[in-house]
Each structure stands twice: as C-alpha cells, then as structure tokens.
All heavy atoms as atom14 arrays in JSON, in Angstrom:
{
  "sequence": "LVESGGGLVQAGGSLTLSCAASGSISIIRDMRWYRQAPGNQ",
  "atom14_mask": [
    [1, 1, 1, 1, 1, 1, 1, 1, 0, 0, 0, 0, 0, 0],
    [1, 1, 1, 1, 1, 1, 1, 0, 0, 0, 0, 0, 0, 0],
    [1, 1, 1, 1, 1, 1, 1, 1, 1, 0, 0, 0, 0, 0],
    [1, 1, 1, 1, 1, 1, 0, 0, 0, 0, 0, 0, 0, 0],
    [1, 1, 1, 1, 0, 0, 0, 0, 0, 0, 0, 0, 0, 0],
    [1, 1, 1, 1, 0, 0, 0, 0, 0, 0, 0, 0, 0, 0],
    [1, 1, 1, 1, 0, 0, 0, 0, 0, 0, 0, 0, 0, 0],
    [1, 1, 1, 1, 1, 1, 1, 1, 0, 0, 0, 0, 0, 0],
    [1, 1, 1, 1, 1, 1, 1, 0, 0, 0, 0, 0, 0, 0],
    [1, 1, 1, 1, 1, 1, 1, 1, 1, 0, 0, 0, 0, 0],
    [1, 1, 1, 1, 1, 0, 0, 0, 0, 0, 0, 0, 0, 0],
    [1, 1, 1, 1, 0, 0, 0, 0, 0, 0, 0, 0, 0, 0],
    [1, 1, 1, 1, 0, 0, 0, 0, 0, 0, 0, 0, 0, 0],
    [1, 1, 1, 1, 1, 1, 0, 0, 0, 0, 0, 0, 0, 0],
    [1, 1, 1, 1, 1, 1, 1, 1, 0, 0, 0, 0, 0, 0],
    [1, 1, 1, 1, 1, 1, 1, 0, 0, 0, 0, 0, 0, 0],
    [1, 1, 1, 1, 1, 1, 1, 1, 0, 0, 0, 0, 0, 0],
    [1, 1, 1, 1, 1, 1, 0, 0, 0, 0, 0, 0, 0, 0],
    [1, 1, 1, 1, 1, 1, 0, 0, 0, 0, 0, 0, 0, 0],
    [1, 1, 1, 1, 1, 0, 0, 0, 0, 0, 0, 0, 0, 0],
    [1, 1, 1, 1, 1, 0, 0, 0, 0, 0, 0, 0, 0, 0],
    [1, 1, 1, 1, 1, 1, 0, 0, 0, 0, 0, 0, 0, 0],
    [1, 1, 1, 1, 0, 0, 0, 0, 0, 0, 0, 0, 0, 0],
    [1, 1, 1, 1, 1, 1, 0, 0, 0, 0, 0, 0, 0, 0],
    [1, 1, 1, 1, 1, 1, 1, 1, 0, 0, 0, 0, 0, 0],
    [1, 1, 1, 1, 1, 1, 0, 0, 0, 0, 0, 0, 0, 0],
    [1, 1, 1, 1, 1, 1, 1, 1, 0, 0, 0, 0, 0, 0],
    [1, 1, 1, 1, 1, 1, 1, 1, 0, 0, 0, 0, 0, 0],
    [1, 1, 1, 1, 1, 1, 1, 1, 1, 1, 1, 0, 0, 0],
    [1, 1, 1, 1, 1, 1, 1, 1, 0, 0, 0, 0, 0, 0],
    [1, 1, 1, 1, 1, 1, 1, 1, 0, 0, 0, 0, 0, 0],
    [1, 1, 1, 1, 1, 1, 1, 1, 1, 1, 1, 0, 0, 0],
    [1, 1, 1, 1, 1, 1, 1, 1, 1, 1, 1, 1, 1, 1],
    [1, 1, 1, 1, 1, 1, 1, 1, 1, 1, 1, 1, 0, 0],
    [1, 1, 1, 1, 1, 1, 1, 1, 1, 1, 1, 0, 0, 0],
    [1, 1, 1, 1, 1, 1, 1, 1, 1, 0, 0, 0, 0, 0],
    [1, 1, 1, 1, 1, 0, 0, 0, 0, 0, 0, 0, 0, 0],
    [1, 1, 1, 1, 1, 1, 1, 0, 0, 0, 0, 0, 0, 0],
    [1, 1, 1, 1, 0, 0, 0, 0, 0, 0, 0, 0, 0, 0],
    [1, 1, 1, 1, 1, 1, 1, 1, 0, 0, 0, 0, 0, 0],
    [1, 1, 1, 1, 1, 1, 1, 1, 1, 0, 0, 0, 0, 0]
  ],
  "atom14_positions": [
    [[-101.14, -49.45, -38.74], [-102.27, -49.77, -39.62], [-102.09, -49.08, -40.96], [-101.76, -47.92, -41.0], [-103.59, -49.34, -38.99], [-103.94, -49.88, -37.61], [-105.2, -49.21, -37.08], [-104.12, -51.38, -37.68], [0.0, 0.0, 0.0], [0.0, 0.0, 0.0], [0.0, 0.0, 0.0], [0.0, 0.0, 0.0], [0.0, 0.0, 0.0], [0.0, 0.0, 0.0]],
    [[-102.32, -49.83, -42.02], [-102.21, -49.3, -43.37], [-103.43, -49.69, -44.17], [-103.69, -50.85, -44.38], [-100.95, -49.8, -44.1], [-100.88, -49.2, -45.51], [-99.68, -49.41, -43.3], [0.0, 0.0, 0.0], [0.0, 0.0, 0.0], [0.0, 0.0, 0.0], [0.0, 0.0, 0.0], [0.0, 0.0, 0.0], [0.0, 0.0, 0.0], [0.0, 0.0, 0.0]],
    [[-104.18, -48.65, -44.61], [-105.37, -48.9, -45.43], [-105.02, -48.93, -46.9], [-104.05, -48.27, -47.35], [-106.42, -47.82, -45.2], [-106.87, -47.67, -43.76], [-106.21, -46.51, -43.06], [-105.05, -46.15, -43.43], [-106.79, -45.95, -42.11], [0.0, 0.0, 0.0], [0.0, 0.0, 0.0], [0.0, 0.0, 0.0], [0.0, 0.0, 0.0], [0.0, 0.0, 0.0]],
    [[-105.83, -49.64, -47.65], [-105.67, -49.66, -49.09], [-107.01, -50.01, -49.73], [-107.94, -50.42, -49.07], [-104.63, -50.69, -49.55], [-105.02, -52.01, -49.16], [0.0, 0.0, 0.0], [0.0, 0.0, 0.0], [0.0, 0.0, 0.0], [0.0, 0.0, 0.0], [0.0, 0.0, 0.0], [0.0, 0.0, 0.0], [0.0, 0.0, 0.0], [0.0, 0.0, 0.0]],
    [[-107.12, -49.79, -51.01], [-108.32, -50.18, -51.77], [-109.23, -49.04, -52.15], [-110.21, -49.26, -52.86], [0.0, 0.0, 0.0], [0.0, 0.0, 0.0], [0.0, 0.0, 0.0], [0.0, 0.0, 0.0], [0.0, 0.0, 0.0], [0.0, 0.0, 0.0], [0.0, 0.0, 0.0], [0.0, 0.0, 0.0], [0.0, 0.0, 0.0], [0.0, 0.0, 0.0]],
    [[-108.97, -47.83, -51.69], [-109.78, -46.72, -52.02], [-109.64, -46.32, -53.48], [-108.71, -46.73, -54.18], [0.0, 0.0, 0.0], [0.0, 0.0, 0.0], [0.0, 0.0, 0.0], [0.0, 0.0, 0.0], [0.0, 0.0, 0.0], [0.0, 0.0, 0.0], [0.0, 0.0, 0.0], [0.0, 0.0, 0.0], [0.0, 0.0, 0.0], [0.0, 0.0, 0.0]],
    [[-110.58, -45.51, -53.95], [-110.53, -45.07, -55.31], [-111.84, -44.46, -55.73], [-112.7, -44.12, -54.93], [0.0, 0.0, 0.0], [0.0, 0.0, 0.0], [0.0, 0.0, 0.0], [0.0, 0.0, 0.0], [0.0, 0.0, 0.0], [0.0, 0.0, 0.0], [0.0, 0.0, 0.0], [0.0, 0.0, 0.0], [0.0, 0.0, 0.0], [0.0, 0.0, 0.0]],
    [[-112.01, -44.35, -57.04], [-113.2, -43.77, -57.65], [-114.11, -44.89, -58.17], [-113.62, -45.78, -58.88], [-112.8, -42.8, -58.78], [-113.95, -42.18, -59.58], [-114.78, -41.26, -58.7], [-113.39, -41.42, -60.79], [0.0, 0.0, 0.0], [0.0, 0.0, 0.0], [0.0, 0.0, 0.0], [0.0, 0.0, 0.0], [0.0, 0.0, 0.0], [0.0, 0.0, 0.0]],
    [[-115.38, -44.8, -57.83], [-116.35, -45.82, -58.28], [-117.66, -45.11, -58.64], [-117.99, -44.09, -58.03], [-116.53, -46.9, -57.19], [-117.14, -46.29, -55.92], [-117.37, -48.03, -57.71], [0.0, 0.0, 0.0], [0.0, 0.0, 0.0], [0.0, 0.0, 0.0], [0.0, 0.0, 0.0], [0.0, 0.0, 0.0], [0.0, 0.0, 0.0], [0.0, 0.0, 0.0]],
    [[-118.38, -45.67, -59.55], [-119.67, -45.12, -59.92], [-120.73, -45.53, -58.92], [-120.64, -46.56, -58.26], [-120.07, -45.61, -61.32], [-119.21, -45.1, -62.46], [-119.68, -45.56, -63.82], [-120.62, -46.36, -63.93], [-119.06, -45.03, -64.85], [0.0, 0.0, 0.0], [0.0, 0.0, 0.0], [0.0, 0.0, 0.0], [0.0, 0.0, 0.0], [0.0, 0.0, 0.0]],
    [[-121.78, -44.69, -58.81], [-122.88, -44.99, -57.92], [-123.49, -46.37, -58.29], [-123.63, -46.7, -59.47], [-123.95, -43.92, -58.02], [0.0, 0.0, 0.0], [0.0, 0.0, 0.0], [0.0, 0.0, 0.0], [0.0, 0.0, 0.0], [0.0, 0.0, 0.0], [0.0, 0.0, 0.0], [0.0, 0.0, 0.0], [0.0, 0.0, 0.0], [0.0, 0.0, 0.0]],
    [[-123.78, -47.16, -57.27], [-124.29, -48.48, -57.45], [-123.22, -49.54, -57.51], [-123.52, -50.73, -57.47], [0.0, 0.0, 0.0], [0.0, 0.0, 0.0], [0.0, 0.0, 0.0], [0.0, 0.0, 0.0], [0.0, 0.0, 0.0], [0.0, 0.0, 0.0], [0.0, 0.0, 0.0], [0.0, 0.0, 0.0], [0.0, 0.0, 0.0], [0.0, 0.0, 0.0]],
    [[-121.98, -49.13, -57.59], [-120.88, -50.05, -57.68], [-120.4, -50.51, -56.32], [-121.0, -50.2, -55.29], [0.0, 0.0, 0.0], [0.0, 0.0, 0.0], [0.0, 0.0, 0.0], [0.0, 0.0, 0.0], [0.0, 0.0, 0.0], [0.0, 0.0, 0.0], [0.0, 0.0, 0.0], [0.0, 0.0, 0.0], [0.0, 0.0, 0.0], [0.0, 0.0, 0.0]],
    [[-119.33, -51.3, -56.35], [-118.8, -51.91, -55.15], [-117.3, -51.62, -55.03], [-116.62, -51.4, -56.01], [-119.0, -53.43, -55.15], [-120.36, -53.75, -55.18], [0.0, 0.0, 0.0], [0.0, 0.0, 0.0], [0.0, 0.0, 0.0], [0.0, 0.0, 0.0], [0.0, 0.0, 0.0], [0.0, 0.0, 0.0], [0.0, 0.0, 0.0], [0.0, 0.0, 0.0]],
    [[-116.81, -51.67, -53.82], [-115.42, -51.42, -53.53], [-115.09, -52.15, -52.23], [-115.9, -52.13, -51.32], [-115.13, -49.92, -53.43], [-113.7, -49.43, -53.62], [-113.19, -49.72, -55.03], [-113.62, -47.93, -53.36], [0.0, 0.0, 0.0], [0.0, 0.0, 0.0], [0.0, 0.0, 0.0], [0.0, 0.0, 0.0], [0.0, 0.0, 0.0], [0.0, 0.0, 0.0]],
    [[-113.9, -52.68, -52.14], [-113.44, -53.34, -50.91], [-112.19, -52.67, -50.41], [-111.18, -52.55, -51.1], [-113.17, -54.84, -51.16], [-114.38, -55.47, -51.58], [-112.7, -55.49, -49.86], [0.0, 0.0, 0.0], [0.0, 0.0, 0.0], [0.0, 0.0, 0.0], [0.0, 0.0, 0.0], [0.0, 0.0, 0.0], [0.0, 0.0, 0.0], [0.0, 0.0, 0.0]],
    [[-112.24, -52.24, -49.16], [-111.11, -51.64, -48.5], [-110.41, -52.7, -47.63], [-111.09, -53.56, -47.06], [-111.54, -50.46, -47.63], [-112.36, -49.37, -48.28], [-112.69, -48.27, -47.26], [-111.64, -48.8, -49.48], [0.0, 0.0, 0.0], [0.0, 0.0, 0.0], [0.0, 0.0, 0.0], [0.0, 0.0, 0.0], [0.0, 0.0, 0.0], [0.0, 0.0, 0.0]],
    [[-109.12, -52.57, -47.49], [-108.33, -53.48, -46.66], [-107.51, -52.69, -45.68], [-107.01, -51.61, -46.0], [-107.46, -54.38, -47.48], [-108.21, -55.25, -48.29], [0.0, 0.0, 0.0], [0.0, 0.0, 0.0], [0.0, 0.0, 0.0], [0.0, 0.0, 0.0], [0.0, 0.0, 0.0], [0.0, 0.0, 0.0], [0.0, 0.0, 0.0], [0.0, 0.0, 0.0]],
    [[-107.32, -53.24, -44.5], [-106.47, -52.64, -43.49], [-105.5, -53.73, -43.0], [-105.95, -54.79, -42.5], [-107.3, -52.11, -42.35], [-106.36, -51.49, -40.93], [0.0, 0.0, 0.0], [0.0, 0.0, 0.0], [0.0, 0.0, 0.0], [0.0, 0.0, 0.0], [0.0, 0.0, 0.0], [0.0, 0.0, 0.0], [0.0, 0.0, 0.0], [0.0, 0.0, 0.0]],
    [[-104.21, -53.48, -43.13], [-103.2, -54.41, -42.69], [-102.61, -53.95, -41.37], [-102.14, -52.78, -41.29], [-102.12, -54.56, -43.74], [0.0, 0.0, 0.0], [0.0, 0.0, 0.0], [0.0, 0.0, 0.0], [0.0, 0.0, 0.0], [0.0, 0.0, 0.0], [0.0, 0.0, 0.0], [0.0, 0.0, 0.0], [0.0, 0.0, 0.0], [0.0, 0.0, 0.0]],
    [[-102.6, -54.79, -40.39], [-102.07, -54.47, -39.06], [-100.71, -55.13, -38.87], [-100.49, -56.28, -39.32], [-103.01, -54.89, -37.98], [0.0, 0.0, 0.0], [0.0, 0.0, 0.0], [0.0, 0.0, 0.0], [0.0, 0.0, 0.0], [0.0, 0.0, 0.0], [0.0, 0.0, 0.0], [0.0, 0.0, 0.0], [0.0, 0.0, 0.0], [0.0, 0.0, 0.0]],
    [[-99.82, -54.43, -38.24], [-98.5, -54.99, -37.91], [-98.05, -54.44, -36.57], [-98.62, -53.51, -36.03], [-97.47, -54.65, -39.02], [-97.3, -53.23, -39.13], [0.0, 0.0, 0.0], [0.0, 0.0, 0.0], [0.0, 0.0, 0.0], [0.0, 0.0, 0.0], [0.0, 0.0, 0.0], [0.0, 0.0, 0.0], [0.0, 0.0, 0.0], [0.0, 0.0, 0.0]],
    [[-97.03, -55.05, -36.03], [-96.53, -54.66, -34.73], [-96.99, -55.61, -33.64], [-96.95, -56.84, -33.83], [0.0, 0.0, 0.0], [0.0, 0.0, 0.0], [0.0, 0.0, 0.0], [0.0, 0.0, 0.0], [0.0, 0.0, 0.0], [0.0, 0.0, 0.0], [0.0, 0.0, 0.0], [0.0, 0.0, 0.0], [0.0, 0.0, 0.0], [0.0, 0.0, 0.0]],
    [[-97.5, -55.08, -32.55], [-97.96, -55.89, -31.43], [-99.4, -56.31, -31.65], [-100.32, -55.81, -31.02], [-97.81, -55.07, -30.12], [-96.47, -54.67, -29.9], [0.0, 0.0, 0.0], [0.0, 0.0, 0.0], [0.0, 0.0, 0.0], [0.0, 0.0, 0.0], [0.0, 0.0, 0.0], [0.0, 0.0, 0.0], [0.0, 0.0, 0.0], [0.0, 0.0, 0.0]],
    [[-99.57, -57.25, -32.55], [-100.91, -57.71, -32.92], [-101.67, -58.26, -31.76], [-102.91, -58.14, -31.68], [-100.81, -58.76, -34.03], [-100.03, -58.2, -35.23], [-102.21, -59.18, -34.48], [-100.61, -56.96, -35.83], [0.0, 0.0, 0.0], [0.0, 0.0, 0.0], [0.0, 0.0, 0.0], [0.0, 0.0, 0.0], [0.0, 0.0, 0.0], [0.0, 0.0, 0.0]],
    [[-101.01, -58.87, -30.8], [-101.66, -59.56, -29.69], [-102.44, -58.58, -28.78], [-103.35, -59.02, -28.05], [-100.67, -60.32, -28.85], [-99.7, -59.47, -28.28], [0.0, 0.0, 0.0], [0.0, 0.0, 0.0], [0.0, 0.0, 0.0], [0.0, 0.0, 0.0], [0.0, 0.0, 0.0], [0.0, 0.0, 0.0], [0.0, 0.0, 0.0], [0.0, 0.0, 0.0]],
    [[-102.15, -57.32, -28.82], [-102.85, -56.36, -27.96], [-104.12, -55.83, -28.59], [-104.9, -55.11, -27.93], [-101.96, -55.16, -27.56], [-101.67, -54.26, -28.78], [-100.63, -55.67, -26.97], [-100.92, -52.99, -28.42], [0.0, 0.0, 0.0], [0.0, 0.0, 0.0], [0.0, 0.0, 0.0], [0.0, 0.0, 0.0], [0.0, 0.0, 0.0], [0.0, 0.0, 0.0]],
    [[-104.38, -56.13, -29.86], [-105.59, -55.65, -30.52], [-106.81, -56.41, -30.05], [-106.83, -57.63, -30.03], [-105.46, -55.78, -32.04], [-104.3, -54.93, -32.59], [-106.77, -55.4, -32.73], [-104.04, -55.08, -34.05], [0.0, 0.0, 0.0], [0.0, 0.0, 0.0], [0.0, 0.0, 0.0], [0.0, 0.0, 0.0], [0.0, 0.0, 0.0], [0.0, 0.0, 0.0]],
    [[-107.85, -55.65, -29.7], [-109.09, -56.24, -29.27], [-110.17, -56.13, -30.38], [-110.51, -57.13, -31.02], [-109.62, -55.57, -28.01], [-110.89, -56.19, -27.45], [-111.29, -55.53, -26.14], [-112.55, -56.08, -25.64], [-112.63, -57.14, -24.85], [-111.54, -57.8, -24.47], [-113.85, -57.54, -24.41], [0.0, 0.0, 0.0], [0.0, 0.0, 0.0], [0.0, 0.0, 0.0]],
    [[-110.64, -54.93, -30.62], [-111.62, -54.69, -31.65], [-110.96, -53.9, -32.8], [-110.04, -53.11, -32.61], [-112.8, -53.88, -31.14], [-113.53, -54.56, -30.03], [-113.41, -55.79, -29.88], [-114.23, -53.86, -29.24], [0.0, 0.0, 0.0], [0.0, 0.0, 0.0], [0.0, 0.0, 0.0], [0.0, 0.0, 0.0], [0.0, 0.0, 0.0], [0.0, 0.0, 0.0]],
    [[-111.51, -54.11, -34.0], [-111.09, -53.32, -35.16], [-112.33, -52.7, -35.77], [-113.37, -53.27, -35.81], [-110.32, -54.19, -36.18], [-109.03, -54.74, -35.63], [-107.87, -55.34, -36.9], [-107.35, -53.76, -37.57], [0.0, 0.0, 0.0], [0.0, 0.0, 0.0], [0.0, 0.0, 0.0], [0.0, 0.0, 0.0], [0.0, 0.0, 0.0], [0.0, 0.0, 0.0]],
    [[-112.16, -51.44, -36.25], [-113.28, -50.64, -36.7], [-112.89, -49.89, -37.96], [-111.74, -49.63, -38.24], [-113.7, -49.63, -35.63], [-113.98, -50.24, -34.25], [-113.78, -49.19, -33.19], [-114.06, -49.69, -31.87], [-113.48, -49.27, -30.77], [-112.56, -48.3, -30.83], [-113.77, -49.78, -29.57], [0.0, 0.0, 0.0], [0.0, 0.0, 0.0], [0.0, 0.0, 0.0]],
    [[-113.91, -49.51, -38.68], [-113.78, -48.56, -39.78], [-114.59, -47.3, -39.46], [-115.73, -47.38, -38.99], [-114.28, -49.12, -41.12], [-113.36, -50.11, -41.75], [-113.39, -51.46, -41.65], [-112.25, -49.79, -42.59], [-112.37, -52.0, -42.36], [-111.67, -51.03, -42.98], [-111.7, -48.61, -43.05], [-110.54, -51.1, -43.8], [-110.6, -48.67, -43.89], [-110.03, -49.92, -44.24]],
    [[-113.98, -46.14, -39.71], [-114.61, -44.85, -39.6], [-114.49, -44.14, -40.92], [-113.69, -44.54, -41.78], [-113.97, -44.0, -38.5], [-114.25, -44.43, -37.09], [-113.64, -45.54, -36.53], [-115.16, -43.73, -36.29], [-113.9, -45.92, -35.22], [-115.44, -44.11, -35.0], [-114.79, -45.21, -34.46], [-115.05, -45.6, -33.19], [0.0, 0.0, 0.0], [0.0, 0.0, 0.0]],
    [[-115.28, -43.09, -41.1], [-115.14, -42.27, -42.29], [-115.4, -40.8, -41.97], [-116.08, -40.51, -41.01], [-116.08, -42.76, -43.42], [-117.57, -42.54, -43.13], [-118.4, -43.15, -44.22], [-119.83, -42.93, -44.03], [-120.77, -43.46, -44.77], [-120.47, -44.28, -45.8], [-122.08, -43.2, -44.5], [0.0, 0.0, 0.0], [0.0, 0.0, 0.0], [0.0, 0.0, 0.0]],
    [[-114.84, -39.94, -42.8], [-115.0, -38.52, -42.62], [-115.18, -37.9, -43.95], [-114.29, -37.88, -44.78], [-113.83, -37.91, -41.85], [-113.99, -36.46, -41.48], [-112.95, -35.97, -40.49], [-111.9, -36.6, -40.34], [-113.25, -34.91, -39.81], [0.0, 0.0, 0.0], [0.0, 0.0, 0.0], [0.0, 0.0, 0.0], [0.0, 0.0, 0.0], [0.0, 0.0, 0.0]],
    [[-116.34, -37.29, -44.16], [-116.64, -36.57, -45.4], [-116.24, -35.08, -45.23], [-116.19, -34.6, -44.1], [-118.13, -36.68, -45.73], [0.0, 0.0, 0.0], [0.0, 0.0, 0.0], [0.0, 0.0, 0.0], [0.0, 0.0, 0.0], [0.0, 0.0, 0.0], [0.0, 0.0, 0.0], [0.0, 0.0, 0.0], [0.0, 0.0, 0.0], [0.0, 0.0, 0.0]],
    [[-116.02, -34.4, -46.3], [-115.63, -32.98, -46.22], [-116.66, -32.15, -45.44], [-117.86, -32.24, -45.68], [-115.59, -32.52, -47.68], [-115.29, -33.77, -48.44], [-115.99, -34.87, -47.71], [0.0, 0.0, 0.0], [0.0, 0.0, 0.0], [0.0, 0.0, 0.0], [0.0, 0.0, 0.0], [0.0, 0.0, 0.0], [0.0, 0.0, 0.0], [0.0, 0.0, 0.0]],
    [[-116.19, -31.42, -44.43], [-117.04, -30.59, -43.62], [-117.79, -31.32, -42.52], [-118.52, -30.68, -41.77], [0.0, 0.0, 0.0], [0.0, 0.0, 0.0], [0.0, 0.0, 0.0], [0.0, 0.0, 0.0], [0.0, 0.0, 0.0], [0.0, 0.0, 0.0], [0.0, 0.0, 0.0], [0.0, 0.0, 0.0], [0.0, 0.0, 0.0], [0.0, 0.0, 0.0]],
    [[-117.61, -32.62, -42.44], [-118.33, -33.41, -41.42], [-117.33, -33.96, -40.36], [-116.16, -34.02, -40.58], [-119.1, -34.56, -42.07], [-120.22, -34.09, -42.95], [-120.71, -32.98, -42.8], [-120.67, -34.98, -43.85], [0.0, 0.0, 0.0], [0.0, 0.0, 0.0], [0.0, 0.0, 0.0], [0.0, 0.0, 0.0], [0.0, 0.0, 0.0], [0.0, 0.0, 0.0]],
    [[-117.95, -34.4, -39.26], [-117.16, -35.07, -38.24], [-116.87, -36.5, -38.66], [-117.62, -37.09, -39.46], [-117.9, -35.06, -36.9], [-118.15, -33.67, -36.33], [-118.8, -33.72, -34.95], [-118.45, -34.57, -34.14], [-119.76, -32.86, -34.75], [0.0, 0.0, 0.0], [0.0, 0.0, 0.0], [0.0, 0.0, 0.0], [0.0, 0.0, 0.0], [0.0, 0.0, 0.0]]
  ]
}
C-alpha cells in the first residue's frame, strides 16, 4: 500500500488522499483509513 496526497492546507479547505494497492489484490476484503496525531493513539 502506498499513500499519497498529503500536504499543508488552510482550515476550511479540502484535500484528497489516495492509496494505491498492489500485489495479491484478490485477498483484500475491506480497506480503511486511520490517522495518528502527535501524542495520540
């Protein structure tokens, strides 16, 4: 999995992240996004 699209944006703005999957694609069931802020789980 390779993510892309991150960056700096002003409050109120928009941003689109992309995740490209490769390899054994047929075994993938669900796909999810998670995030982790500094000091948080």
